[in-house]
PDB file of N, CA and C in Angstrom:
ATOM      1  N   UNK A   1     326.172 -23.309 170.157  1.00  0.00           N
ATOM      2  CA  UNK A   1     326.216 -23.659 171.377  1.00  0.00           C
ATOM      3  C   UNK A   1     325.199 -24.546 170.751  1.00  0.00           C
ATOM      4  N   UNK A   2     326.501 -25.746 171.653  1.00  0.00           N
ATOM      5  CA  UNK A   2     325.250 -27.648 171.652  1.00  0.00           C
ATOM      6  C   UNK A   2     323.823 -27.196 172.349  1.00  0.00           C
ATOM      7  N   UNK A   3     323.844 -25.908 173.140  1.00  0.00           N
ATOM      8  CA  UNK A   3     322.052 -26.428 173.851  1.00  0.00           C
ATOM      9  C   UNK A   3     321.283 -25.099 173.923  1.00  0.00           C
ATOM     10  N   UNK A   4     321.675 -24.611 173.286  1.00  0.00           N
ATOM     11  CA  UNK A   4     320.832 -23.738 172.752  1.00  0.00           C
ATOM     12  C   UNK A   4     319.341 -24.259 172.066  1.00  0.00           C
ATOM     13  N   UNK A   5     318.532 -23.430 171.932  1.00  0.00           N
ATOM     14  CA  UNK A   5     316.810 -23.993 171.244  1.00  0.00           C
ATOM     15  C   UNK A   5     317.713 -22.338 170.170  1.00  0.00           C
ATOM     16  N   UNK A   6     316.931 -23.461 168.915  1.00  0.00           N
ATOM     17  CA  UNK A   6     317.882 -22.438 166.813  1.00  0.00           C
ATOM     18  C   UNK A   6     316.626 -21.661 167.230  1.00  0.00           C
ATOM     19  N   UNK A   7     316.713 -20.268 167.137  1.00  0.00           N
ATOM     20  CA  UNK A   7     315.523 -19.301 166.723  1.00  0.00           C
ATOM     21  C   UNK A   7     314.074 -19.722 166.491  1.00  0.00           C
ATOM     22  N   UNK A   8     314.147 -20.549 164.765  1.00  0.00           N
ATOM     23  CA  UNK A   8     313.819 -20.921 163.758  1.00  0.00           C
ATOM     24  C   UNK A   8     312.548 -21.820 164.840  1.00  0.00           C
ATOM     25  N   UNK A   9     313.516 -22.075 165.492  1.00  0.00           N
ATOM     26  CA  UNK A   9     312.130 -23.235 166.772  1.00  0.00           C
ATOM     27  C   UNK A   9     311.357 -23.066 167.503  1.00  0.00           C
ATOM     28  N   UNK A  10     311.425 -21.904 168.050  1.00  0.00           N
ATOM     29  CA  UNK A  10     311.227 -20.851 168.740  1.00  0.00           C
ATOM     30  C   UNK A  10     309.938 -20.009 168.577  1.00  0.00           C
ATOM     31  N   UNK A  11     310.544 -18.875 166.977  1.00  0.00           N
ATOM     32  CA  UNK A  11     310.077 -18.402 166.694  1.00  0.00           C
ATOM     33  C   UNK A  11     308.585 -18.047 166.450  1.00  0.00           C
ATOM     34  N   UNK A  12     307.936 -18.797 165.627  1.00  0.00           N
ATOM     35  CA  UNK A  12     306.397 -19.198 165.803  1.00  0.00           C
ATOM     36  C   UNK A  12     305.937 -18.807 167.423  1.00  0.00           C
ATOM     37  N   UNK A  13     305.985 -19.263 168.290  1.00  0.00           N
ATOM     38  CA  UNK A  13     306.306 -19.438 170.068  1.00  0.00           C
ATOM     39  C   UNK A  13     305.893 -18.338 169.983  1.00  0.00           C
ATOM     40  N   UNK A  14     307.263 -17.378 170.261  1.00  0.00           N
ATOM     41  CA  UNK A  14     306.823 -16.761 170.006  1.00  0.00           C
ATOM     42  C   UNK A  14     306.480 -15.505 169.878  1.00  0.00           C
ATOM     43  N   UNK A  15     306.503 -15.659 168.727  1.00  0.00           N
ATOM     44  CA  UNK A  15     305.108 -15.203 167.506  1.00  0.00           C
ATOM     45  C   UNK A  15     303.445 -14.880 168.208  1.00  0.00           C
ATOM     46  N   UNK A  16     303.396 -16.380 168.523  1.00  0.00           N
ATOM     47  CA  UNK A  16     301.498 -16.446 169.217  1.00  0.00           C
ATOM     48  C   UNK A  16     301.380 -15.543 170.148  1.00  0.00           C
ATOM     49  N   UNK A  17     302.733 -16.171 171.467  1.00  0.00           N
ATOM     50  CA  UNK A  17     302.771 -15.516 172.838  1.00  0.00           C
ATOM     51  C   UNK A  17     302.429 -14.134 172.755  1.00  0.00           C
ATOM     52  N   UNK A  18     303.049 -13.771 170.923  1.00  0.00           N
ATOM     53  CA  UNK A  18     303.147 -11.888 171.448  1.00  0.00           C
ATOM     54  C   UNK A  18     302.074 -11.701 170.434  1.00  0.00           C
ATOM     55  N   UNK A  19     301.494 -12.103 170.090  1.00  0.00           N
ATOM     56  CA  UNK A  19     300.359 -11.553 169.134  1.00  0.00           C
ATOM     57  C   UNK A  19     299.431 -10.892 169.535  1.00  0.00           C
ATOM     58  N   UNK A  20     298.564  -9.417 169.214  1.00  0.00           N
ATOM     59  CA  UNK A  20     298.607  -7.981 170.049  1.00  0.00           C
ATOM     60  C   UNK A  20     298.696  -6.960 170.421  1.00  0.00           C
ATOM     61  N   UNK A  21     299.750  -7.343 170.937  1.00  0.00           N
ATOM     62  CA  UNK A  21     300.754  -6.580 170.787  1.00  0.00           C
ATOM     63  C   UNK A  21     302.097  -5.754 170.128  1.00  0.00           C
ATOM     64  N   UNK A  22     302.575  -4.548 170.479  1.00  0.00           N
ATOM     65  CA  UNK A  22     303.659  -4.397 169.764  1.00  0.00           C
ATOM     66  C   UNK A  22     304.925  -4.222 169.891  1.00  0.00           C
ATOM     67  N   UNK A  23     305.376  -5.533 170.944  1.00  0.00           N
ATOM     68  CA  UNK A  23     306.668  -5.721 171.229  1.00  0.00           C
ATOM     69  C   UNK A  23     306.924  -6.126 169.372  1.00  0.00           C
ATOM     70  N   UNK A  24     307.648  -5.932 168.799  1.00  0.00           N
ATOM     71  CA  UNK A  24     309.322  -6.280 167.840  1.00  0.00           C
ATOM     72  C   UNK A  24     309.459  -7.688 168.126  1.00  0.00           C
ATOM     73  N   UNK A  25     309.772  -8.609 167.424  1.00  0.00           N
ATOM     74  CA  UNK A  25     310.690  -9.735 167.876  1.00  0.00           C
ATOM     75  C   UNK A  25     312.655  -9.505 167.266  1.00  0.00           C
ATOM     76  N   UNK A  26     313.225  -9.615 167.836  1.00  0.00           N
ATOM     77  CA  UNK A  26     314.736  -9.233 166.375  1.00  0.00           C
ATOM     78  C   UNK A  26     315.121 -10.759 166.729  1.00  0.00           C
ATOM     79  N   UNK A  27     315.382 -11.605 165.870  1.00  0.00           N
ATOM     80  CA  UNK A  27     315.611 -12.446 165.884  1.00  0.00           C
ATOM     81  C   UNK A  27     317.818 -13.169 165.324  1.00  0.00           C
ATOM     82  N   UNK A  28     318.559 -14.079 166.520  1.00  0.00           N
ATOM     83  CA  UNK A  28     319.998 -13.760 165.768  1.00  0.00           C
ATOM     84  C   UNK A  28     320.181 -14.971 166.689  1.00  0.00           C
ATOM     85  N   UNK A  29     321.259 -15.421 166.210  1.00  0.00           N
ATOM     86  CA  UNK A  29     321.706 -17.025 166.708  1.00  0.00           C
ATOM     87  C   UNK A  29     321.794 -17.411 165.455  1.00  0.00           C
ATOM     88  N   UNK A  30     322.943 -17.939 164.453  1.00  0.00           N
ATOM     89  CA  UNK A  30     322.641 -19.031 163.541  1.00  0.00           C
ATOM     90  C   UNK A  30     322.186 -17.858 162.499  1.00  0.00           C
ATOM     91  N   UNK A  31     322.422 -17.406 161.989  1.00  0.00           N
ATOM     92  CA  UNK A  31     322.541 -15.977 160.402  1.00  0.00           C
ATOM     93  C   UNK A  31     323.795 -16.627 159.838  1.00  0.00           C
ATOM     94  N   UNK A  32     323.672 -17.129 159.158  1.00  0.00           N
ATOM     95  CA  UNK A  32     325.440 -16.986 157.793  1.00  0.00           C
ATOM     96  C   UNK A  32     325.132 -16.496 157.366  1.00  0.00           C
ATOM     97  N   UNK A  33     323.545 -16.483 156.694  1.00  0.00           N
ATOM     98  CA  UNK A  33     323.004 -16.274 154.891  1.00  0.00           C
ATOM     99  C   UNK A  33     322.189 -15.533 155.123  1.00  0.00           C
ATOM    100  N   UNK A  34     321.691 -14.646 153.482  1.00  0.00           N
ATOM    101  CA  UNK A  34     320.309 -13.315 153.151  1.00  0.00           C
ATOM    102  C   UNK A  34     319.361 -15.054 153.349  1.00  0.00           C
ATOM    103  N   UNK A  35     319.730 -16.156 152.878  1.00  0.00           N
ATOM    104  CA  UNK A  35     318.209 -17.572 152.430  1.00  0.00           C
ATOM    105  C   UNK A  35     318.513 -18.330 154.332  1.00  0.00           C
ATOM    106  N   UNK A  36     318.916 -17.935 155.669  1.00  0.00           N
ATOM    107  CA  UNK A  36     318.861 -17.862 157.107  1.00  0.00           C
ATOM    108  C   UNK A  36     317.988 -16.411 157.253  1.00  0.00           C
ATOM    109  N   UNK A  37     318.631 -15.315 157.542  1.00  0.00           N
ATOM    110  CA  UNK A  37     317.161 -14.429 156.911  1.00  0.00           C
ATOM    111  C   UNK A  37     316.112 -14.451 156.795  1.00  0.00           C
ATOM    112  N   UNK A  38     316.259 -15.087 155.453  1.00  0.00           N
ATOM    113  CA  UNK A  38     315.074 -15.144 155.408  1.00  0.00           C
ATOM    114  C   UNK A  38     313.877 -15.969 156.452  1.00  0.00           C
ATOM    115  N   UNK A  39     314.346 -17.483 156.311  1.00  0.00           N
ATOM    116  CA  UNK A  39     313.633 -17.971 157.460  1.00  0.00           C
ATOM    117  C   UNK A  39     312.954 -16.987 158.890  1.00  0.00           C
ATOM    118  N   UNK A  40     314.388 -17.294 159.090  1.00  0.00           N
ATOM    119  CA  UNK A  40     313.536 -16.412 160.016  1.00  0.00           C
ATOM    120  C   UNK A  40     312.551 -15.121 159.944  1.00  0.00           C
ATOM    121  N   UNK A  41     313.058 -14.655 159.414  1.00  0.00           N
ATOM    122  CA  UNK A  41     311.716 -13.127 159.031  1.00  0.00           C
ATOM    123  C   UNK A  41     310.562 -13.916 158.774  1.00  0.00           C
ATOM    124  N   UNK A  42     310.400 -14.853 158.310  1.00  0.00           N
ATOM    125  CA  UNK A  42     309.291 -15.261 157.538  1.00  0.00           C
ATOM    126  C   UNK A  42     308.467 -16.344 158.604  1.00  0.00           C
ATOM    127  N   UNK A  43     309.050 -16.741 159.525  1.00  0.00           N
ATOM    128  CA  UNK A  43     308.020 -17.179 161.260  1.00  0.00           C
ATOM    129  C   UNK A  43     308.388 -16.218 161.683  1.00  0.00           C
ATOM    130  N   UNK A  44     308.518 -15.174 161.273  1.00  0.00           N
ATOM    131  CA  UNK A  44     307.589 -14.232 162.238  1.00  0.00           C
ATOM    132  C   UNK A  44     308.207 -13.079 163.031  1.00  0.00           C
ATOM    133  N   UNK A  45     309.923 -13.193 162.857  1.00  0.00           N
ATOM    134  CA  UNK A  45     310.964 -12.306 163.014  1.00  0.00           C
ATOM    135  C   UNK A  45     311.138 -10.811 162.183  1.00  0.00           C
ATOM    136  N   UNK A  46     311.206  -9.280 163.622  1.00  0.00           N
ATOM    137  CA  UNK A  46     310.452  -7.578 162.948  1.00  0.00           C
ATOM    138  C   UNK A  46     312.124  -8.089 161.951  1.00  0.00           C
ATOM    139  N   UNK A  47     313.402  -8.225 162.889  1.00  0.00           N
ATOM    140  CA  UNK A  47     314.649  -7.959 162.045  1.00  0.00           C
ATOM    141  C   UNK A  47     315.007  -8.589 162.282  1.00  0.00           C
ATOM    142  N   UNK A  48     316.218  -9.505 161.615  1.00  0.00           N
ATOM    143  CA  UNK A  48     317.860 -10.325 162.591  1.00  0.00           C
ATOM    144  C   UNK A  48     319.270 -10.173 162.074  1.00  0.00           C
ATOM    145  N   UNK A  49     319.759 -10.527 163.717  1.00  0.00           N
ATOM    146  CA  UNK A  49     321.547  -9.345 163.554  1.00  0.00           C
ATOM    147  C   UNK A  49     321.704 -10.730 163.076  1.00  0.00           C
ATOM    148  N   UNK A  50     323.725 -10.234 162.043  1.00  0.00           N
ATOM    149  CA  UNK A  50     323.814 -10.985 161.518  1.00  0.00           C
ATOM    150  C   UNK A  50     325.727 -10.989 162.323  1.00  0.00           C
ATOM    151  N   UNK A  51     326.302 -10.654 163.178  1.00  0.00           N
ATOM    152  CA  UNK A  51     327.365 -10.563 164.385  1.00  0.00           C
ATOM    153  C   UNK A  51     327.949 -11.138 163.901  1.00  0.00           C
ATOM    154  N   UNK A  52     327.665 -12.757 164.299  1.00  0.00           N
ATOM    155  CA  UNK A  52     329.049 -13.779 163.485  1.00  0.00           C
ATOM    156  C   UNK A  52     329.230 -13.809 161.903  1.00  0.00           C
ATOM    157  N   UNK A  53     328.242 -13.620 160.840  1.00  0.00           N
ATOM    158  CA  UNK A  53     328.513 -13.712 159.704  1.00  0.00           C
ATOM    159  C   UNK A  53     329.330 -12.791 159.277  1.00  0.00           C
ATOM    160  N   UNK A  54     329.044 -11.413 159.284  1.00  0.00           N
ATOM    161  CA  UNK A  54     330.345 -10.151 159.448  1.00  0.00           C
ATOM    162  C   UNK A  54     331.497 -10.303 160.553  1.00  0.00           C
ATOM    163  N   UNK A  55     331.475 -11.090 161.359  1.00  0.00           N
ATOM    164  CA  UNK A  55     332.791 -11.068 162.151  1.00  0.00           C
ATOM    165  C   UNK A  55     334.523 -11.822 161.122  1.00  0.00           C
ATOM    166  N   UNK A  56     333.851 -12.600 160.283  1.00  0.00           N
ATOM    167  CA  UNK A  56     335.660 -13.699 159.998  1.00  0.00           C
ATOM    168  C   UNK A  56     335.094 -12.514 158.853  1.00  0.00           C
ATOM    169  N   UNK A  57     334.417 -12.082 157.621  1.00  0.00           N
ATOM    170  CA  UNK A  57     334.983 -11.040 156.463  1.00  0.00           C
ATOM    171  C   UNK A  57     335.965  -9.763 157.913  1.00  0.00           C
ATOM    172  N   UNK A  58     335.184  -9.245 158.711  1.00  0.00           N
ATOM    173  CA  UNK A  58     335.873  -8.570 159.275  1.00  0.00           C
ATOM    174  C   UNK A  58     337.502  -8.645 159.868  1.00  0.00           C
ATOM    175  N   UNK A  59     337.888  -9.325 159.825  1.00  0.00           N
ATOM    176  CA  UNK A  59     339.016 -10.080 160.857  1.00  0.00           C
ATOM    177  C   UNK A  59     340.088 -10.463 159.076  1.00  0.00           C
ATOM    178  N   UNK A  60     339.292 -10.806 158.594  1.00  0.00           N
ATOM    179  CA  UNK A  60     340.310 -10.894 157.635  1.00  0.00           C
ATOM    180  C   UNK A  60     340.707  -9.710 156.634  1.00  0.00           C
ATOM    181  N   UNK A  61     338.858  -8.878 156.292  1.00  0.00           N
ATOM    182  CA  UNK A  61     339.590  -8.766 155.034  1.00  0.00           C
ATOM    183  C   UNK A  61     339.616  -6.734 155.178  1.00  0.00           C
ATOM    184  N   UNK A  62     339.175  -7.004 157.186  1.00  0.00           N
ATOM    185  CA  UNK A  62     338.392  -5.816 157.493  1.00  0.00           C
ATOM    186  C   UNK A  62     337.087  -5.149 156.594  1.00  0.00           C
ATOM    187  N   UNK A  63     336.249  -3.343 156.891  1.00  0.00           N
ATOM    188  CA  UNK A  63     335.845  -3.151 156.344  1.00  0.00           C
ATOM    189  C   UNK A  63     334.991  -3.835 155.013  1.00  0.00           C
ATOM    190  N   UNK A  64     335.770  -3.859 154.040  1.00  0.00           N
ATOM    191  CA  UNK A  64     335.516  -4.393 152.633  1.00  0.00           C
ATOM    192  C   UNK A  64     335.131  -5.278 153.515  1.00  0.00           C
ATOM    193  N   UNK A  65     335.800  -5.955 154.064  1.00  0.00           N
ATOM    194  CA  UNK A  65     335.127  -7.758 153.683  1.00  0.00           C
ATOM    195  C   UNK A  65     333.511  -7.441 154.297  1.00  0.00           C
ATOM    196  N   UNK A  66     333.446  -6.214 155.723  1.00  0.00           N
ATOM    197  CA  UNK A  66     331.933  -6.931 156.187  1.00  0.00           C
ATOM    198  C   UNK A  66     330.778  -5.837 154.846  1.00  0.00           C
ATOM    199  N   UNK A  67     330.783  -5.200 153.494  1.00  0.00           N
ATOM    200  CA  UNK A  67     330.710  -4.402 153.124  1.00  0.00           C
ATOM    201  C   UNK A  67     330.699  -5.753 152.538  1.00  0.00           C
ATOM    202  N   UNK A  68     331.433  -6.531 151.871  1.00  0.00           N
ATOM    203  CA  UNK A  68     330.595  -7.535 150.618  1.00  0.00           C
ATOM    204  C   UNK A  68     330.303  -8.773 151.740  1.00  0.00           C
ATOM    205  N   UNK A  69     330.304  -9.218 152.738  1.00  0.00           N
ATOM    206  CA  UNK A  69     329.410  -9.937 153.125  1.00  0.00           C
ATOM    207  C   UNK A  69     327.717  -9.669 153.227  1.00  0.00           C
ATOM    208  N   UNK A  70     327.606  -8.323 153.884  1.00  0.00           N
ATOM    209  CA  UNK A  70     326.564  -7.910 153.604  1.00  0.00           C
ATOM    210  C   UNK A  70     325.563  -7.890 152.428  1.00  0.00           C
ATOM    211  N   UNK A  71     326.400  -6.885 151.051  1.00  0.00           N
ATOM    212  CA  UNK A  71     325.260  -7.739 149.426  1.00  0.00           C
ATOM    213  C   UNK A  71     325.060  -8.803 149.224  1.00  0.00           C
ATOM    214  N   UNK A  72     326.675  -9.736 149.575  1.00  0.00           N
ATOM    215  CA  UNK A  72     326.229 -11.470 149.673  1.00  0.00           C
ATOM    216  C   UNK A  72     325.001 -11.388 150.841  1.00  0.00           C
ATOM    217  N   UNK A  73     324.522 -10.840 151.691  1.00  0.00           N
ATOM    218  CA  UNK A  73     324.026 -11.587 152.322  1.00  0.00           C
ATOM    219  C   UNK A  73     322.142 -10.895 151.978  1.00  0.00           C
ATOM    220  N   UNK A  74     322.344  -9.819 151.084  1.00  0.00           N
ATOM    221  CA  UNK A  74     321.477  -8.971 151.052  1.00  0.00           C
ATOM    222  C   UNK A  74     321.083  -9.531 149.453  1.00  0.00           C
ATOM    223  N   UNK A  75     321.671  -9.948 148.431  1.00  0.00           N
ATOM    224  CA  UNK A  75     321.530 -10.756 147.510  1.00  0.00           C
ATOM    225  C   UNK A  75     320.867 -12.170 147.419  1.00  0.00           C
ATOM    226  N   UNK A  76     321.198 -12.960 148.905  1.00  0.00           N
ATOM    227  CA  UNK A  76     320.547 -14.165 148.499  1.00  0.00           C
ATOM    228  C   UNK A  76     319.142 -13.337 149.154  1.00  0.00           C
ATOM    229  N   UNK A  77     319.216 -12.234 149.879  1.00  0.00           N
ATOM    230  CA  UNK A  77     317.586 -12.377 150.307  1.00  0.00           C
ATOM    231  C   UNK A  77     316.613 -12.163 149.381  1.00  0.00           C
ATOM    232  N   UNK A  78     317.318 -10.763 148.683  1.00  0.00           N
ATOM    233  CA  UNK A  78     316.244 -10.241 147.105  1.00  0.00           C
ATOM    234  C   UNK A  78     316.434 -11.252 146.698  1.00  0.00           C
ATOM    235  N   UNK A  79     317.114 -12.920 146.601  1.00  0.00           N
ATOM    236  CA  UNK A  79     316.732 -13.036 145.183  1.00  0.00           C
ATOM    237  C   UNK A  79     315.790 -14.352 146.199  1.00  0.00           C
ATOM    238  N   UNK A  80     315.386 -14.979 147.188  1.00  0.00           N
ATOM    239  CA  UNK A  80     314.500 -15.898 147.705  1.00  0.00           C
ATOM    240  C   UNK A  80     312.940 -14.719 147.684  1.00  0.00           C
ATOM    241  N   UNK A  81     313.197 -13.940 148.607  1.00  0.00           N
ATOM    242  CA  UNK A  81     311.962 -12.934 147.952  1.00  0.00           C
ATOM    243  C   UNK A  81     311.806 -13.307 146.624  1.00  0.00           C
ATOM    244  N   UNK A  82     312.134 -13.137 145.605  1.00  0.00           N
ATOM    245  CA  UNK A  82     311.513 -13.370 144.131  1.00  0.00           C
ATOM    246  C   UNK A  82     311.400 -13.975 143.765  1.00  0.00           C
ATOM    247  N   UNK A  83     311.738 -15.499 143.939  1.00  0.00           N
ATOM    248  CA  UNK A  83     311.609 -16.807 143.821  1.00  0.00           C
ATOM    249  C   UNK A  83     310.257 -16.983 144.576  1.00  0.00           C
ATOM    250  N   UNK A  84     310.007 -16.086 146.119  1.00  0.00           N
ATOM    251  CA  UNK A  84     308.853 -16.381 146.476  1.00  0.00           C
ATOM    252  C   UNK A  84     307.862 -15.649 146.336  1.00  0.00           C
ATOM    253  N   UNK A  85     308.084 -14.747 145.690  1.00  0.00           N
ATOM    254  CA  UNK A  85     307.098 -13.807 145.826  1.00  0.00           C
ATOM    255  C   UNK A  85     306.760 -13.161 146.404  1.00  0.00           C
ATOM    256  N   UNK A  86     307.619 -11.564 147.665  1.00  0.00           N
ATOM    257  CA  UNK A  86     307.855 -11.885 148.353  1.00  0.00           C
ATOM    258  C   UNK A  86     308.481 -10.278 147.873  1.00  0.00           C
ATOM    259  N   UNK A  87     306.881  -9.040 147.989  1.00  0.00           N
ATOM    260  CA  UNK A  87     307.332  -7.782 147.693  1.00  0.00           C
ATOM    261  C   UNK A  87     308.581  -7.032 148.738  1.00  0.00           C
ATOM    262  N   UNK A  88     308.197  -7.545 149.799  1.00  0.00           N
ATOM    263  CA  UNK A  88     308.805  -5.676 150.897  1.00  0.00           C
ATOM    264  C   UNK A  88     309.036  -7.475 152.173  1.00  0.00           C
ATOM    265  N   UNK A  89     309.588  -6.122 153.461  1.00  0.00           N
ATOM    266  CA  UNK A  89     309.513  -6.683 154.407  1.00  0.00           C
ATOM    267  C   UNK A  89     308.545  -7.184 155.938  1.00  0.00           C
ATOM    268  N   UNK A  90     307.334  -6.109 155.170  1.00  0.00           N
ATOM    269  CA  UNK A  90     306.278  -6.626 155.604  1.00  0.00           C
ATOM    270  C   UNK A  90     305.226  -7.151 154.982  1.00  0.00           C
ATOM    271  N   UNK A  91     306.025  -7.581 154.326  1.00  0.00           N
ATOM    272  CA  UNK A  91     304.783  -9.713 153.398  1.00  0.00           C
ATOM    273  C   UNK A  91     305.250 -10.730 153.911  1.00  0.00           C
ATOM    274  N   UNK A  92     306.296 -11.135 154.396  1.00  0.00           N
ATOM    275  CA  UNK A  92     306.342 -12.600 154.504  1.00  0.00           C
ATOM    276  C   UNK A  92     305.642 -13.158 155.033  1.00  0.00           C
ATOM    277  N   UNK A  93     305.688 -14.147 154.832  1.00  0.00           N
ATOM    278  CA  UNK A  93     304.714 -15.342 155.137  1.00  0.00           C
ATOM    279  C   UNK A  93     305.095 -16.817 155.269  1.00  0.00           C
ATOM    280  N   UNK A  94     305.133 -17.797 156.248  1.00  0.00           N
ATOM    281  CA  UNK A  94     305.353 -18.750 156.543  1.00  0.00           C
ATOM    282  C   UNK A  94     304.924 -19.954 155.984  1.00  0.00           C
ATOM    283  N   UNK A  95     304.202 -19.570 154.879  1.00  0.00           N
ATOM    284  CA  UNK A  95     303.731 -20.911 154.326  1.00  0.00           C
ATOM    285  C   UNK A  95     304.689 -20.820 153.040  1.00  0.00           C
ATOM    286  N   UNK A  96     305.465 -19.928 152.894  1.00  0.00           N
ATOM    287  CA  UNK A  96     306.830 -20.414 151.855  1.00  0.00           C
ATOM    288  C   UNK A  96     307.421 -20.982 152.355  1.00  0.00           C
ATOM    289  N   UNK A  97     307.831 -21.488 153.725  1.00  0.00           N
ATOM    290  CA  UNK A  97     308.463 -22.089 154.394  1.00  0.00           C
ATOM    291  C   UNK A  97     308.536 -23.893 154.083  1.00  0.00           C
ATOM    292  N   UNK A  98     309.030 -25.117 153.905  1.00  0.00           N
ATOM    293  CA  UNK A  98     308.711 -26.348 154.383  1.00  0.00           C
ATOM    294  C   UNK A  98     309.187 -27.116 154.918  1.00  0.00           C
ATOM    295  N   UNK A  99     309.183 -27.486 156.148  1.00  0.00           N
ATOM    296  CA  UNK A  99     309.858 -27.914 156.840  1.00  0.00           C
ATOM    297  C   UNK A  99     309.013 -28.885 157.852  1.00  0.00           C
TER     298      UNK A  99
END
């Protein structure tokens, strides 16, 4: 999407605007890896959607391709969580990001 605003750019502003509310933030668009998911979770998303990342494996390998891709993304997310000392998905902190 050449004209869309990247979720990572908008997330901090959305998080600030919703502070004090019960509204959950779901990030989508451009999430191709567990590393991308980590960044968006660290920036304030409560969850991420990875539809495009699993489309190609689905078309090429069916269910097994989707399972393999999700496991790969999970491993990438877990790897970064270990490297940065994040214990669970509720304790993400944008301070570990350098941008």
